[in-house]
């Protein structure tokens, strides 16, 4: 691996939000959106969690990255490489305003 500059590795958390997006009952499905930049590139990571079917989907810039059915949300965890960083969606710490947290190289999105 070549030398890496700080600018290439710069992680900037821009925003996070949560909305209910269920088709019939809004609260039955939640979508969490994280906006961030890694170096000079911007990314939008979205996760949908159906409370009825247990289906979890993760999208990166609108493209499906991962899909899994897990009834117990506390057991869901997924990691993938993105722009020389390791991204992870994990259950949030107790007391968090969101059900899931995005981690970048092990650090919480809203550190």
PDB file of N, CA and C in Angstrom:
ATOM      1  N   UNK A   1       0.853  -1.195   0.000  1.00  0.00           N
ATOM      2  CA  UNK A   1       0.000   0.000   0.000  1.00  0.00           C
ATOM      3  C   UNK A   1       0.879   1.232   0.000  1.00  0.00           C
ATOM      4  N   UNK A   2       0.473   2.221  -0.783  1.00  0.00           N
ATOM      5  CA  UNK A   2       1.233   3.462  -0.866  1.00  0.00           C
ATOM      6  C   UNK A   2       0.949   4.366   0.313  1.00  0.00           C
ATOM      7  N   UNK A   3       1.632   5.495   0.333  1.00  0.00           N
ATOM      8  CA  UNK A   3       1.397   6.470   1.387  1.00  0.00           C
ATOM      9  C   UNK A   3       0.022   7.094   1.214  1.00  0.00           C
ATOM     10  N   UNK A   4      -0.634   7.360   2.342  1.00  0.00           N
ATOM     11  CA  UNK A   4      -1.959   7.975   2.309  1.00  0.00           C
ATOM     12  C   UNK A   4      -1.885   9.337   2.978  1.00  0.00           C
ATOM     13  N   UNK A   5      -2.518  10.310   2.384  1.00  0.00           N
ATOM     14  CA  UNK A   5      -2.528  11.634   2.998  1.00  0.00           C
ATOM     15  C   UNK A   5      -3.718  11.757   3.936  1.00  0.00           C
ATOM     16  N   UNK A   6      -3.642  12.691   4.852  1.00  0.00           N
ATOM     17  CA  UNK A   6      -4.738  12.920   5.791  1.00  0.00           C
ATOM     18  C   UNK A   6      -6.020  13.296   5.050  1.00  0.00           C
ATOM     19  N   UNK A   7      -5.902  14.090   3.994  1.00  0.00           N
ATOM     20  CA  UNK A   7      -7.094  14.532   3.257  1.00  0.00           C
ATOM     21  C   UNK A   7      -7.863  13.343   2.693  1.00  0.00           C
ATOM     22  N   UNK A   8      -7.148  12.316   2.232  1.00  0.00           N
ATOM     23  CA  UNK A   8      -7.815  11.134   1.683  1.00  0.00           C
ATOM     24  C   UNK A   8      -8.546  10.347   2.759  1.00  0.00           C
ATOM     25  N   UNK A   9      -8.053  10.434   3.988  1.00  0.00           N
ATOM     26  CA  UNK A   9      -8.633   9.666   5.080  1.00  0.00           C
ATOM     27  C   UNK A   9      -9.631  10.466   5.913  1.00  0.00           C
ATOM     28  N   UNK A  10      -9.806  11.746   5.610  1.00  0.00           N
ATOM     29  CA  UNK A  10     -10.676  12.604   6.412  1.00  0.00           C
ATOM     30  C   UNK A  10     -12.109  12.081   6.402  1.00  0.00           C
ATOM     31  N   UNK A  11     -12.661  11.838   7.598  1.00  0.00           N
ATOM     32  CA  UNK A  11     -14.039  11.386   7.745  1.00  0.00           C
ATOM     33  C   UNK A  11     -14.849  12.548   8.303  1.00  0.00           C
ATOM     34  N   UNK A  12     -15.889  12.948   7.587  1.00  0.00           N
ATOM     35  CA  UNK A  12     -16.743  14.033   8.054  1.00  0.00           C
ATOM     36  C   UNK A  12     -18.184  13.545   8.135  1.00  0.00           C
ATOM     37  N   UNK A  13     -18.735  13.542   9.346  1.00  0.00           N
ATOM     38  CA  UNK A  13     -20.143  13.194   9.540  1.00  0.00           C
ATOM     39  C   UNK A  13     -20.969  14.438   9.253  1.00  0.00           C
ATOM     40  N   UNK A  14     -21.876  14.357   8.290  1.00  0.00           N
ATOM     41  CA  UNK A  14     -22.655  15.533   7.885  1.00  0.00           C
ATOM     42  C   UNK A  14     -24.012  15.560   8.580  1.00  0.00           C
ATOM     43  N   UNK A  15     -24.783  14.489   8.469  1.00  0.00           N
ATOM     44  CA  UNK A  15     -26.096  14.468   9.126  1.00  0.00           C
ATOM     45  C   UNK A  15     -26.601  13.045   9.279  1.00  0.00           C
ATOM     46  N   UNK A  16     -27.547  12.887  10.197  1.00  0.00           N
ATOM     47  CA  UNK A  16     -28.262  11.614  10.340  1.00  0.00           C
ATOM     48  C   UNK A  16     -29.709  11.941  10.632  1.00  0.00           C
ATOM     49  N   UNK A  17     -30.605  11.107  10.108  1.00  0.00           N
ATOM     50  CA  UNK A  17     -32.029  11.333  10.331  1.00  0.00           C
ATOM     51  C   UNK A  17     -32.760  10.007  10.324  1.00  0.00           C
ATOM     52  N   UNK A  18     -33.972  10.040  10.846  1.00  0.00           N
ATOM     53  CA  UNK A  18     -34.793   8.840  10.914  1.00  0.00           C
ATOM     54  C   UNK A  18     -36.218   9.227  10.525  1.00  0.00           C
ATOM     55  N   UNK A  19     -36.849   8.409   9.707  1.00  0.00           N
ATOM     56  CA  UNK A  19     -38.243   8.668   9.350  1.00  0.00           C
ATOM     57  C   UNK A  19     -39.000   7.358   9.224  1.00  0.00           C
ATOM     58  N   UNK A  20     -40.304   7.430   9.463  1.00  0.00           N
ATOM     59  CA  UNK A  20     -41.168   6.259   9.315  1.00  0.00           C
ATOM     60  C   UNK A  20     -41.669   6.207   7.883  1.00  0.00           C
ATOM     61  N   UNK A  21     -41.477   5.070   7.224  1.00  0.00           N
ATOM     62  CA  UNK A  21     -41.781   4.961   5.797  1.00  0.00           C
ATOM     63  C   UNK A  21     -42.652   3.757   5.448  1.00  0.00           C
ATOM     64  N   UNK A  22     -43.338   3.176   6.437  1.00  0.00           N
ATOM     65  CA  UNK A  22     -44.210   2.024   6.170  1.00  0.00           C
ATOM     66  C   UNK A  22     -45.312   2.379   5.191  1.00  0.00           C
ATOM     67  N   UNK A  23     -45.644   1.448   4.306  1.00  0.00           N
ATOM     68  CA  UNK A  23     -46.625   1.713   3.258  1.00  0.00           C
ATOM     69  C   UNK A  23     -48.026   1.915   3.837  1.00  0.00           C
ATOM     70  N   UNK A  24     -48.480   0.976   4.686  1.00  0.00           N
ATOM     71  CA  UNK A  24     -49.824   1.077   5.258  1.00  0.00           C
ATOM     72  C   UNK A  24     -49.782   1.749   6.623  1.00  0.00           C
ATOM     73  N   UNK A  25     -48.968   1.209   7.509  1.00  0.00           N
ATOM     74  CA  UNK A  25     -48.781   1.788   8.837  1.00  0.00           C
ATOM     75  C   UNK A  25     -47.377   2.392   8.860  1.00  0.00           C
ATOM     76  N   UNK A  26     -47.295   3.714   8.868  1.00  0.00           N
ATOM     77  CA  UNK A  26     -46.000   4.412   8.759  1.00  0.00           C
ATOM     78  C   UNK A  26     -44.963   3.879   9.750  1.00  0.00           C
ATOM     79  N   UNK A  27     -45.377   3.650  11.008  1.00  0.00           N
ATOM     80  CA  UNK A  27     -44.439   3.237  12.057  1.00  0.00           C
ATOM     81  C   UNK A  27     -43.904   1.818  11.895  1.00  0.00           C
ATOM     82  N   UNK A  28     -44.454   1.049  10.924  1.00  0.00           N
ATOM     83  CA  UNK A  28     -44.043  -0.345  10.773  1.00  0.00           C
ATOM     84  C   UNK A  28     -42.673  -0.480  10.100  1.00  0.00           C
ATOM     85  N   UNK A  29     -42.196   0.591   9.451  1.00  0.00           N
ATOM     86  CA  UNK A  29     -40.894   0.538   8.800  1.00  0.00           C
ATOM     87  C   UNK A  29     -40.178   1.858   9.039  1.00  0.00           C
ATOM     88  N   UNK A  30     -38.922   1.755   9.441  1.00  0.00           N
ATOM     89  CA  UNK A  30     -38.143   2.953   9.728  1.00  0.00           C
ATOM     90  C   UNK A  30     -36.965   3.036   8.760  1.00  0.00           C
ATOM     91  N   UNK A  31     -36.639   4.251   8.346  1.00  0.00           N
ATOM     92  CA  UNK A  31     -35.471   4.465   7.486  1.00  0.00           C
ATOM     93  C   UNK A  31     -34.525   5.427   8.196  1.00  0.00           C
ATOM     94  N   UNK A  32     -33.286   4.998   8.340  1.00  0.00           N
ATOM     95  CA  UNK A  32     -32.251   5.844   8.932  1.00  0.00           C
ATOM     96  C   UNK A  32     -31.305   6.254   7.806  1.00  0.00           C
ATOM     97  N   UNK A  33     -30.997   7.534   7.743  1.00  0.00           N
ATOM     98  CA  UNK A  33     -30.120   8.061   6.698  1.00  0.00           C
ATOM     99  C   UNK A  33     -28.921   8.747   7.343  1.00  0.00           C
ATOM    100  N   UNK A  34     -27.743   8.351   6.914  1.00  0.00           N
ATOM    101  CA  UNK A  34     -26.501   8.999   7.363  1.00  0.00           C
ATOM    102  C   UNK A  34     -25.837   9.625   6.142  1.00  0.00           C
ATOM    103  N   UNK A  35     -25.437  10.881   6.230  1.00  0.00           N
ATOM    104  CA  UNK A  35     -24.688  11.539   5.169  1.00  0.00           C
ATOM    105  C   UNK A  35     -23.289  11.805   5.690  1.00  0.00           C
ATOM    106  N   UNK A  36     -22.280  11.474   4.871  1.00  0.00           N
ATOM    107  CA  UNK A  36     -20.903  11.649   5.304  1.00  0.00           C
ATOM    108  C   UNK A  36     -20.003  11.858   4.102  1.00  0.00           C
ATOM    109  N   UNK A  37     -18.811  12.335   4.384  1.00  0.00           N
ATOM    110  CA  UNK A  37     -17.797  12.374   3.331  1.00  0.00           C
ATOM    111  C   UNK A  37     -16.559  11.662   3.832  1.00  0.00           C
ATOM    112  N   UNK A  38     -15.947  10.925   2.908  1.00  0.00           N
ATOM    113  CA  UNK A  38     -14.691  10.211   3.163  1.00  0.00           C
ATOM    114  C   UNK A  38     -13.701  10.788   2.161  1.00  0.00           C
ATOM    115  N   UNK A  39     -12.757  11.557   2.659  1.00  0.00           N
ATOM    116  CA  UNK A  39     -11.862  12.266   1.756  1.00  0.00           C
ATOM    117  C   UNK A  39     -12.655  13.275   0.960  1.00  0.00           C
ATOM    118  N   UNK A  40     -12.533  13.220  -0.374  1.00  0.00           N
ATOM    119  CA  UNK A  40     -13.249  14.170  -1.227  1.00  0.00           C
ATOM    120  C   UNK A  40     -14.569  13.620  -1.749  1.00  0.00           C
ATOM    121  N   UNK A  41     -14.926  12.401  -1.358  1.00  0.00           N
ATOM    122  CA  UNK A  41     -16.153  11.766  -1.862  1.00  0.00           C
ATOM    123  C   UNK A  41     -17.268  11.820  -0.829  1.00  0.00           C
ATOM    124  N   UNK A  42     -18.492  12.070  -1.306  1.00  0.00           N
ATOM    125  CA  UNK A  42     -19.664  12.116  -0.430  1.00  0.00           C
ATOM    126  C   UNK A  42     -20.456  10.819  -0.558  1.00  0.00           C
ATOM    127  N   UNK A  43     -21.029  10.408   0.545  1.00  0.00           N
ATOM    128  CA  UNK A  43     -21.809   9.174   0.577  1.00  0.00           C
ATOM    129  C   UNK A  43     -23.092   9.382   1.367  1.00  0.00           C
ATOM    130  N   UNK A  44     -24.128   8.663   0.947  1.00  0.00           N
ATOM    131  CA  UNK A  44     -25.374   8.581   1.704  1.00  0.00           C
ATOM    132  C   UNK A  44     -25.580   7.098   1.997  1.00  0.00           C
ATOM    133  N   UNK A  45     -25.611   6.759   3.278  1.00  0.00           N
ATOM    134  CA  UNK A  45     -25.870   5.385   3.707  1.00  0.00           C
ATOM    135  C   UNK A  45     -27.268   5.374   4.308  1.00  0.00           C
ATOM    136  N   UNK A  46     -28.116   4.492   3.781  1.00  0.00           N
ATOM    137  CA  UNK A  46     -29.482   4.377   4.285  1.00  0.00           C
ATOM    138  C   UNK A  46     -29.730   2.953   4.746  1.00  0.00           C
ATOM    139  N   UNK A  47     -30.501   2.837   5.816  1.00  0.00           N
ATOM    140  CA  UNK A  47     -30.911   1.527   6.300  1.00  0.00           C
ATOM    141  C   UNK A  47     -32.413   1.551   6.505  1.00  0.00           C
ATOM    142  N   UNK A  48     -33.095   0.549   5.966  1.00  0.00           N
ATOM    143  CA  UNK A  48     -34.518   0.394   6.258  1.00  0.00           C
ATOM    144  C   UNK A  48     -34.688  -0.845   7.132  1.00  0.00           C
ATOM    145  N   UNK A  49     -35.600  -0.732   8.086  1.00  0.00           N
ATOM    146  CA  UNK A  49     -35.858  -1.808   9.030  1.00  0.00           C
ATOM    147  C   UNK A  49     -37.369  -2.006   9.122  1.00  0.00           C
ATOM    148  N   UNK A  50     -37.849  -3.122   8.558  1.00  0.00           N
ATOM    149  CA  UNK A  50     -39.265  -3.453   8.657  1.00  0.00           C
ATOM    150  C   UNK A  50     -39.503  -4.167   9.978  1.00  0.00           C
ATOM    151  N   UNK A  51     -40.324  -3.554  10.816  1.00  0.00           N
ATOM    152  CA  UNK A  51     -40.606  -4.150  12.127  1.00  0.00           C
ATOM    153  C   UNK A  51     -41.551  -5.344  12.004  1.00  0.00           C
ATOM    154  N   UNK A  52     -42.256  -5.450  10.882  1.00  0.00           N
ATOM    155  CA  UNK A  52     -43.193  -6.556  10.675  1.00  0.00           C
ATOM    156  C   UNK A  52     -42.463  -7.795  10.156  1.00  0.00           C
ATOM    157  N   UNK A  53     -41.722  -7.650   9.047  1.00  0.00           N
ATOM    158  CA  UNK A  53     -41.057  -8.809   8.429  1.00  0.00           C
ATOM    159  C   UNK A  53     -39.665  -9.067   9.004  1.00  0.00           C
ATOM    160  N   UNK A  54     -39.071  -8.061   9.657  1.00  0.00           N
ATOM    161  CA  UNK A  54     -37.708  -8.207  10.161  1.00  0.00           C
ATOM    162  C   UNK A  54     -36.664  -7.959   9.083  1.00  0.00           C
ATOM    163  N   UNK A  55     -37.097  -7.545   7.890  1.00  0.00           N
ATOM    164  CA  UNK A  55     -36.164  -7.343   6.784  1.00  0.00           C
ATOM    165  C   UNK A  55     -35.382  -6.041   6.982  1.00  0.00           C
ATOM    166  N   UNK A  56     -34.062  -6.148   6.866  1.00  0.00           N
ATOM    167  CA  UNK A  56     -33.166  -4.995   6.963  1.00  0.00           C
ATOM    168  C   UNK A  56     -32.470  -4.840   5.613  1.00  0.00           C
ATOM    169  N   UNK A  57     -32.415  -3.596   5.126  1.00  0.00           N
ATOM    170  CA  UNK A  57     -31.703  -3.315   3.880  1.00  0.00           C
ATOM    171  C   UNK A  57     -30.767  -2.149   4.113  1.00  0.00           C
ATOM    172  N   UNK A  58     -29.577  -2.245   3.543  1.00  0.00           N
ATOM    173  CA  UNK A  58     -28.597  -1.158   3.610  1.00  0.00           C
ATOM    174  C   UNK A  58     -28.287  -0.727   2.190  1.00  0.00           C
ATOM    175  N   UNK A  59     -28.380   0.575   1.947  1.00  0.00           N
ATOM    176  CA  UNK A  59     -28.088   1.164   0.645  1.00  0.00           C
ATOM    177  C   UNK A  59     -26.922   2.138   0.786  1.00  0.00           C
ATOM    178  N   UNK A  60     -26.054   2.171  -0.215  1.00  0.00           N
ATOM    179  CA  UNK A  60     -24.976   3.162  -0.280  1.00  0.00           C
ATOM    180  C   UNK A  60     -25.176   3.933  -1.581  1.00  0.00           C
ATOM    181  N   UNK A  61     -25.405   5.235  -1.447  1.00  0.00           N
ATOM    182  CA  UNK A  61     -25.682   6.095  -2.608  1.00  0.00           C
ATOM    183  C   UNK A  61     -26.778   5.500  -3.496  1.00  0.00           C
ATOM    184  N   UNK A  62     -27.828   4.975  -2.842  1.00  0.00           N
ATOM    185  CA  UNK A  62     -28.983   4.468  -3.574  1.00  0.00           C
ATOM    186  C   UNK A  62     -28.886   3.045  -4.080  1.00  0.00           C
ATOM    187  N   UNK A  63     -27.715   2.427  -3.960  1.00  0.00           N
ATOM    188  CA  UNK A  63     -27.549   1.043  -4.434  1.00  0.00           C
ATOM    189  C   UNK A  63     -27.607   0.074  -3.261  1.00  0.00           C
ATOM    190  N   UNK A  64     -28.359  -1.021  -3.450  1.00  0.00           N
ATOM    191  CA  UNK A  64     -28.497  -2.016  -2.390  1.00  0.00           C
ATOM    192  C   UNK A  64     -27.136  -2.641  -2.085  1.00  0.00           C
ATOM    193  N   UNK A  65     -26.716  -2.536  -0.840  1.00  0.00           N
ATOM    194  CA  UNK A  65     -25.438  -3.085  -0.381  1.00  0.00           C
ATOM    195  C   UNK A  65     -25.649  -4.436   0.304  1.00  0.00           C
ATOM    196  N   UNK A  66     -26.746  -4.554   1.056  1.00  0.00           N
ATOM    197  CA  UNK A  66     -26.971  -5.757   1.860  1.00  0.00           C
ATOM    198  C   UNK A  66     -28.453  -5.864   2.204  1.00  0.00           C
ATOM    199  N   UNK A  67     -28.940  -7.107   2.241  1.00  0.00           N
ATOM    200  CA  UNK A  67     -30.322  -7.366   2.636  1.00  0.00           C
ATOM    201  C   UNK A  67     -30.336  -8.611   3.492  1.00  0.00           C
ATOM    202  N   UNK A  68     -31.049  -8.554   4.610  1.00  0.00           N
ATOM    203  CA  UNK A  68     -31.065  -9.685   5.531  1.00  0.00           C
ATOM    204  C   UNK A  68     -32.351  -9.644   6.343  1.00  0.00           C
ATOM    205  N   UNK A  69     -32.886 -10.820   6.660  1.00  0.00           N
ATOM    206  CA  UNK A  69     -34.071 -10.887   7.502  1.00  0.00           C
ATOM    207  C   UNK A  69     -33.645 -11.342   8.887  1.00  0.00           C
ATOM    208  N   UNK A  70     -33.851 -10.459   9.866  1.00  0.00           N
ATOM    209  CA  UNK A  70     -33.501 -10.737  11.261  1.00  0.00           C
ATOM    210  C   UNK A  70     -34.651 -10.215  12.111  1.00  0.00           C
ATOM    211  N   UNK A  71     -35.382 -11.120  12.730  1.00  0.00           N
ATOM    212  CA  UNK A  71     -36.544 -10.699  13.518  1.00  0.00           C
ATOM    213  C   UNK A  71     -36.090  -9.894  14.736  1.00  0.00           C
ATOM    214  N   UNK A  72     -35.075 -10.370  15.451  1.00  0.00           N
ATOM    215  CA  UNK A  72     -34.572  -9.655  16.623  1.00  0.00           C
ATOM    216  C   UNK A  72     -33.543  -8.621  16.161  1.00  0.00           C
ATOM    217  N   UNK A  73     -33.953  -7.349  16.133  1.00  0.00           N
ATOM    218  CA  UNK A  73     -33.089  -6.275  15.619  1.00  0.00           C
ATOM    219  C   UNK A  73     -31.764  -6.178  16.369  1.00  0.00           C
ATOM    220  N   UNK A  74     -31.747  -6.563  17.648  1.00  0.00           N
ATOM    221  CA  UNK A  74     -30.508  -6.482  18.433  1.00  0.00           C
ATOM    222  C   UNK A  74     -29.433  -7.447  17.939  1.00  0.00           C
ATOM    223  N   UNK A  75     -29.822  -8.399  17.103  1.00  0.00           N
ATOM    224  CA  UNK A  75     -28.858  -9.373  16.581  1.00  0.00           C
ATOM    225  C   UNK A  75     -28.320  -8.973  15.202  1.00  0.00           C
ATOM    226  N   UNK A  76     -28.824  -7.871  14.633  1.00  0.00           N
ATOM    227  CA  UNK A  76     -28.394  -7.465  13.296  1.00  0.00           C
ATOM    228  C   UNK A  76     -27.106  -6.654  13.365  1.00  0.00           C
ATOM    229  N   UNK A  77     -26.176  -7.020  12.495  1.00  0.00           N
ATOM    230  CA  UNK A  77     -24.912  -6.292  12.393  1.00  0.00           C
ATOM    231  C   UNK A  77     -24.335  -6.587  11.017  1.00  0.00           C
ATOM    232  N   UNK A  78     -23.826  -5.553  10.351  1.00  0.00           N
ATOM    233  CA  UNK A  78     -23.255  -5.765   9.023  1.00  0.00           C
ATOM    234  C   UNK A  78     -22.106  -4.796   8.820  1.00  0.00           C
ATOM    235  N   UNK A  79     -21.009  -5.285   8.241  1.00  0.00           N
ATOM    236  CA  UNK A  79     -19.830  -4.455   7.966  1.00  0.00           C
ATOM    237  C   UNK A  79     -19.397  -4.641   6.520  1.00  0.00           C
ATOM    238  N   UNK A  80     -18.834  -3.566   5.939  1.00  0.00           N
ATOM    239  CA  UNK A  80     -18.340  -3.619   4.562  1.00  0.00           C
ATOM    240  C   UNK A  80     -17.281  -2.542   4.367  1.00  0.00           C
ATOM    241  N   UNK A  81     -16.357  -2.772   3.413  1.00  0.00           N
ATOM    242  CA  UNK A  81     -15.333  -1.761   3.134  1.00  0.00           C
ATOM    243  C   UNK A  81     -15.888  -0.676   2.212  1.00  0.00           C
ATOM    244  N   UNK A  82     -15.490   0.567   2.461  1.00  0.00           N
ATOM    245  CA  UNK A  82     -15.907   1.685   1.626  1.00  0.00           C
ATOM    246  C   UNK A  82     -14.794   2.729   1.643  1.00  0.00           C
ATOM    247  N   UNK A  83     -14.218   2.981   0.485  1.00  0.00           N
ATOM    248  CA  UNK A  83     -13.191   4.022   0.339  1.00  0.00           C
ATOM    249  C   UNK A  83     -12.105   3.918   1.410  1.00  0.00           C
ATOM    250  N   UNK A  84     -11.516   2.744   1.531  1.00  0.00           N
ATOM    251  CA  UNK A  84     -10.422   2.494   2.475  1.00  0.00           C
ATOM    252  C   UNK A  84     -10.818   2.607   3.945  1.00  0.00           C
ATOM    253  N   UNK A  85     -12.112   2.544   4.218  1.00  0.00           N
ATOM    254  CA  UNK A  85     -12.607   2.552   5.598  1.00  0.00           C
ATOM    255  C   UNK A  85     -13.495   1.333   5.795  1.00  0.00           C
ATOM    256  N   UNK A  86     -13.700   0.952   7.050  1.00  0.00           N
ATOM    257  CA  UNK A  86     -14.614  -0.152   7.369  1.00  0.00           C
ATOM    258  C   UNK A  86     -15.886   0.452   7.956  1.00  0.00           C
ATOM    259  N   UNK A  87     -16.980   0.261   7.247  1.00  0.00           N
ATOM    260  CA  UNK A  87     -18.283   0.752   7.691  1.00  0.00           C
ATOM    261  C   UNK A  87     -19.010  -0.381   8.401  1.00  0.00           C
ATOM    262  N   UNK A  88     -19.785  -0.051   9.438  1.00  0.00           N
ATOM    263  CA  UNK A  88     -20.584  -1.051  10.143  1.00  0.00           C
ATOM    264  C   UNK A  88     -21.897  -0.432  10.579  1.00  0.00           C
ATOM    265  N   UNK A  89     -22.979  -1.181  10.420  1.00  0.00           N
ATOM    266  CA  UNK A  89     -24.260  -0.799  11.012  1.00  0.00           C
ATOM    267  C   UNK A  89     -24.493  -1.784  12.143  1.00  0.00           C
ATOM    268  N   UNK A  90     -24.675  -1.248  13.344  1.00  0.00           N
ATOM    269  CA  UNK A  90     -24.820  -2.075  14.547  1.00  0.00           C
ATOM    270  C   UNK A  90     -25.971  -1.513  15.385  1.00  0.00           C
ATOM    271  N   UNK A  91     -26.542  -2.345  16.273  1.00  0.00           N
ATOM    272  CA  UNK A  91     -27.563  -1.805  17.174  1.00  0.00           C
ATOM    273  C   UNK A  91     -26.973  -0.652  17.988  1.00  0.00           C
ATOM    274  N   UNK A  92     -27.754   0.404  18.172  1.00  0.00           N
ATOM    275  CA  UNK A  92     -27.277   1.580  18.903  1.00  0.00           C
ATOM    276  C   UNK A  92     -27.161   1.276  20.396  1.00  0.00           C
ATOM    277  N   UNK A  93     -26.357   2.080  21.066  1.00  0.00           N
ATOM    278  CA  UNK A  93     -26.215   1.965  22.520  1.00  0.00           C
ATOM    279  C   UNK A  93     -27.553   2.317  23.171  1.00  0.00           C
ATOM    280  N   UNK A  94     -27.853   1.730  24.334  1.00  0.00           N
ATOM    281  CA  UNK A  94     -29.088   2.099  25.042  1.00  0.00           C
ATOM    282  C   UNK A  94     -29.108   3.613  25.300  1.00  0.00           C
ATOM    283  N   UNK A  95     -30.275   4.211  25.124  1.00  0.00           N
ATOM    284  CA  UNK A  95     -30.397   5.651  25.341  1.00  0.00           C
ATOM    285  C   UNK A  95     -30.175   6.478  24.091  1.00  0.00           C
ATOM    286  N   UNK A  96     -29.768   5.842  22.995  1.00  0.00           N
ATOM    287  CA  UNK A  96     -29.567   6.560  21.748  1.00  0.00           C
ATOM    288  C   UNK A  96     -30.917   6.928  21.139  1.00  0.00           C
ATOM    289  N   UNK A  97     -30.941   8.014  20.370  1.00  0.00           N
ATOM    290  CA  UNK A  97     -32.200   8.431  19.751  1.00  0.00           C
ATOM    291  C   UNK A  97     -32.561   7.546  18.549  1.00  0.00           C
ATOM    292  N   UNK A  98     -31.578   6.860  17.966  1.00  0.00           N
ATOM    293  CA  UNK A  98     -31.825   5.982  16.825  1.00  0.00           C
ATOM    294  C   UNK A  98     -31.664   4.523  17.237  1.00  0.00           C
ATOM    295  N   UNK A  99     -32.299   3.629  16.486  1.00  0.00           N
ATOM    296  CA  UNK A  99     -32.224   2.196  16.803  1.00  0.00           C
ATOM    297  C   UNK A  99     -30.890   1.588  16.387  1.00  0.00           C
ATOM    298  N   UNK A 100     -30.241   2.189  15.347  1.00  0.00           N
ATOM    299  CA  UNK A 100     -28.983   1.657  14.843  1.00  0.00           C
ATOM    300  C   UNK A 100     -27.951   2.777  14.739  1.00  0.00           C
ATOM    301  N   UNK A 101     -26.696   2.385  14.779  1.00  0.00           N
ATOM    302  CA  UNK A 101     -25.598   3.337  14.686  1.00  0.00           C
ATOM    303  C   UNK A 101     -24.724   2.946  13.506  1.00  0.00           C
ATOM    304  N   UNK A 102     -24.229   3.948  12.803  1.00  0.00           N
ATOM    305  CA  UNK A 102     -23.238   3.723  11.752  1.00  0.00           C
ATOM    306  C   UNK A 102     -21.869   3.947  12.372  1.00  0.00           C
ATOM    307  N   UNK A 103     -20.985   2.975  12.198  1.00  0.00           N
ATOM    308  CA  UNK A 103     -19.615   3.109  12.702  1.00  0.00           C
ATOM    309  C   UNK A 103     -18.673   3.175  11.517  1.00  0.00           C
ATOM    310  N   UNK A 104     -17.678   4.022  11.634  1.00  0.00           N
ATOM    311  CA  UNK A 104     -16.647   4.163  10.611  1.00  0.00           C
ATOM    312  C   UNK A 104     -15.324   3.826  11.281  1.00  0.00           C
ATOM    313  N   UNK A 105     -14.688   2.763  10.840  1.00  0.00           N
ATOM    314  CA  UNK A 105     -13.462   2.273  11.478  1.00  0.00           C
ATOM    315  C   UNK A 105     -13.650   2.113  12.987  1.00  0.00           C
ATOM    316  N   UNK A 106     -14.828   1.642  13.382  1.00  0.00           N
ATOM    317  CA  UNK A 106     -15.113   1.380  14.793  1.00  0.00           C
ATOM    318  C   UNK A 106     -15.595   2.570  15.592  1.00  0.00           C
ATOM    319  N   UNK A 107     -15.543   3.767  15.016  1.00  0.00           N
ATOM    320  CA  UNK A 107     -15.979   4.976  15.722  1.00  0.00           C
ATOM    321  C   UNK A 107     -17.435   5.272  15.385  1.00  0.00           C
ATOM    322  N   UNK A 108     -18.214   5.648  16.403  1.00  0.00           N
ATOM    323  CA  UNK A 108     -19.608   5.990  16.187  1.00  0.00           C
ATOM    324  C   UNK A 108     -19.738   7.198  15.277  1.00  0.00           C
ATOM    325  N   UNK A 109     -20.772   7.205  14.437  1.00  0.00           N
ATOM    326  CA  UNK A 109     -21.011   8.295  13.487  1.00  0.00           C
ATOM    327  C   UNK A 109     -21.093   9.646  14.208  1.00  0.00           C
ATOM    328  N   UNK A 110     -21.766   9.688  15.334  1.00  0.00           N
ATOM    329  CA  UNK A 110     -21.913  10.961  16.038  1.00  0.00           C
ATOM    330  C   UNK A 110     -21.002  11.066  17.259  1.00  0.00           C
ATOM    331  N   UNK A 111     -19.769  10.652  17.082  1.00  0.00           N
ATOM    332  CA  UNK A 111     -18.766  10.714  18.149  1.00  0.00           C
ATOM    333  C   UNK A 111     -18.474  12.153  18.497  1.00  0.00           C
TER     334      UNK A 111
END
